[in-house]
Amino acid sequence: MGFGRTPSPRVDPELAKQREAEQKRLAEEEAKIAARKEESERVRVANLRGQQSLQSEELEGFTGYRRKSMGKSIRS
């Protein structure tokens, strides 16, 4: 009548090793993504991106580009 329970299949040791290796790979990948995101945030916060990060501290008012005010000449 179906009162008995069928035994569950044994866990294959190779499959267990593969799953463990995949879990380890995923954890390493997530750690790399987190480190990359943290580094990107550090660069953004410290303003280390672009030309202003490369110029010396002595050039305070110089941004490297001429700014045009509306209605005024660039040269004035």
C-alpha atoms as a PDB file:
ATOM      1  CA  MET A   1       0.000   0.000   0.000  1.00  0.00           C
ATOM      2  CA  GLY A   2       2.849   2.453   0.065  1.00  0.00           C
ATOM      3  CA  PHE A   3       3.438   2.904   3.771  1.00  0.00           C
ATOM      4  CA  GLY A   4       7.151   2.322   3.436  1.00  0.00           C
ATOM      5  CA  ARG A   5       9.557   5.022   2.457  1.00  0.00           C
ATOM      6  CA  THR A   6      12.024   4.531  -0.355  1.00  0.00           C
ATOM      7  CA  PRO A   7      15.625   5.105   0.658  1.00  0.00           C
ATOM      8  CA  SER A   8      17.215   8.314  -0.570  1.00  0.00           C
ATOM      9  CA  PRO A   9      20.110   7.932  -2.983  1.00  0.00           C
ATOM     10  CA  ARG A  10      23.626   8.232  -1.609  1.00  0.00           C
ATOM     11  CA  VAL A  11      25.447  11.511  -2.067  1.00  0.00           C
ATOM     12  CA  ASP A  12      28.103  11.208  -4.731  1.00  0.00           C
ATOM     13  CA  PRO A  13      31.477  12.301  -3.298  1.00  0.00           C
ATOM     14  CA  GLU A  14      32.533  13.829  -6.637  1.00  0.00           C
ATOM     15  CA  LEU A  15      29.354  15.878  -6.763  1.00  0.00           C
ATOM     16  CA  ALA A  16      29.932  17.049  -3.189  1.00  0.00           C
ATOM     17  CA  LYS A  17      33.486  18.133  -4.110  1.00  0.00           C
ATOM     18  CA  GLN A  18      32.183  19.995  -7.151  1.00  0.00           C
ATOM     19  CA  ARG A  19      29.546  21.798  -5.108  1.00  0.00           C
ATOM     20  CA  GLU A  20      32.119  22.762  -2.474  1.00  0.00           C
ATOM     21  CA  ALA A  21      34.503  24.066  -5.150  1.00  0.00           C
ATOM     22  CA  GLU A  22      31.683  26.067  -6.756  1.00  0.00           C
ATOM     23  CA  GLN A  23      30.701  27.587  -3.409  1.00  0.00           C
ATOM     24  CA  LYS A  24      34.334  28.549  -2.774  1.00  0.00           C
ATOM     25  CA  ARG A  25      34.627  30.110  -6.256  1.00  0.00           C
ATOM     26  CA  LEU A  26      31.422  32.104  -5.745  1.00  0.00           C
ATOM     27  CA  ALA A  27      32.635  33.365  -2.367  1.00  0.00           C
ATOM     28  CA  GLU A  28      35.949  34.495  -3.895  1.00  0.00           C
ATOM     29  CA  GLU A  29      34.119  36.191  -6.759  1.00  0.00           C
ATOM     30  CA  GLU A  30      31.845  38.060  -4.344  1.00  0.00           C
ATOM     31  CA  ALA A  31      34.881  39.159  -2.321  1.00  0.00           C
ATOM     32  CA  LYS A  32      36.533  40.498  -5.496  1.00  0.00           C
ATOM     33  CA  ILE A  33      33.376  42.391  -6.447  1.00  0.00           C
ATOM     34  CA  ALA A  34      33.146  43.921  -2.967  1.00  0.00           C
ATOM     35  CA  ALA A  35      36.829  44.935  -3.054  1.00  0.00           C
ATOM     36  CA  ARG A  36      36.407  46.491  -6.514  1.00  0.00           C
ATOM     37  CA  LYS A  37      33.348  48.423  -5.333  1.00  0.00           C
ATOM     38  CA  GLU A  38      35.184  49.597  -2.205  1.00  0.00           C
ATOM     39  CA  GLU A  39      38.181  50.759  -4.278  1.00  0.00           C
ATOM     40  CA  SER A  40      35.896  52.596  -6.713  1.00  0.00           C
ATOM     41  CA  GLU A  41      34.166  54.344  -3.811  1.00  0.00           C
ATOM     42  CA  ARG A  42      37.549  55.308  -2.291  1.00  0.00           C
ATOM     43  CA  VAL A  43      38.700  56.803  -5.596  1.00  0.00           C
ATOM     44  CA  ARG A  44      35.427  58.706  -5.990  1.00  0.00           C
ATOM     45  CA  VAL A  45      35.471  60.097  -2.460  1.00  0.00           C
ATOM     46  CA  ALA A  46      39.153  61.096  -2.600  1.00  0.00           C
ATOM     47  CA  ASN A  47      38.663  62.685  -6.059  1.00  0.00           C
ATOM     48  CA  LEU A  48      41.533  60.677  -7.533  1.00  0.00           C
ATOM     49  CA  ARG A  49      39.944  60.457 -10.963  1.00  0.00           C
ATOM     50  CA  GLY A  50      40.611  62.865 -13.819  1.00  0.00           C
ATOM     51  CA  GLN A  51      42.993  65.720 -14.523  1.00  0.00           C
ATOM     52  CA  GLN A  52      42.547  67.603 -11.243  1.00  0.00           C
ATOM     53  CA  SER A  53      43.926  64.658  -9.331  1.00  0.00           C
ATOM     54  CA  LEU A  54      47.140  64.813 -11.364  1.00  0.00           C
ATOM     55  CA  GLN A  55      47.867  68.537 -11.114  1.00  0.00           C
ATOM     56  CA  SER A  56      50.019  69.909  -8.337  1.00  0.00           C
ATOM     57  CA  GLU A  57      48.582  71.521  -5.247  1.00  0.00           C
ATOM     58  CA  GLU A  58      50.245  74.866  -6.125  1.00  0.00           C
ATOM     59  CA  LEU A  59      47.763  75.486  -8.947  1.00  0.00           C
ATOM     60  CA  GLU A  60      44.750  76.334  -6.848  1.00  0.00           C
ATOM     61  CA  GLY A  61      42.541  78.233  -9.292  1.00  0.00           C
ATOM     62  CA  PHE A  62      43.564  76.430 -12.455  1.00  0.00           C
ATOM     63  CA  THR A  63      41.228  73.654 -13.530  1.00  0.00           C
ATOM     64  CA  GLY A  64      42.815  73.014 -16.928  1.00  0.00           C
ATOM     65  CA  TYR A  65      39.894  74.209 -18.984  1.00  0.00           C
ATOM     66  CA  ARG A  66      38.701  77.645 -20.011  1.00  0.00           C
ATOM     67  CA  ARG A  67      35.253  78.380 -18.758  1.00  0.00           C
ATOM     68  CA  LYS A  68      32.926  80.464 -20.859  1.00  0.00           C
ATOM     69  CA  SER A  69      30.506  82.720 -19.059  1.00  0.00           C
ATOM     70  CA  MET A  70      27.293  83.339 -20.904  1.00  0.00           C
ATOM     71  CA  GLY A  71      27.392  86.626 -22.779  1.00  0.00           C
ATOM     72  CA  LYS A  72      31.082  87.303 -22.130  1.00  0.00           C
ATOM     73  CA  SER A  73      34.127  86.717 -24.233  1.00  0.00           C
ATOM     74  CA  ILE A  74      36.404  83.827 -23.376  1.00  0.00           C
ATOM     75  CA  ARG A  75      39.459  86.078 -23.451  1.00  0.00           C
ATOM     76  CA  SER A  76      38.219  88.674 -20.972  1.00  0.00           C
END
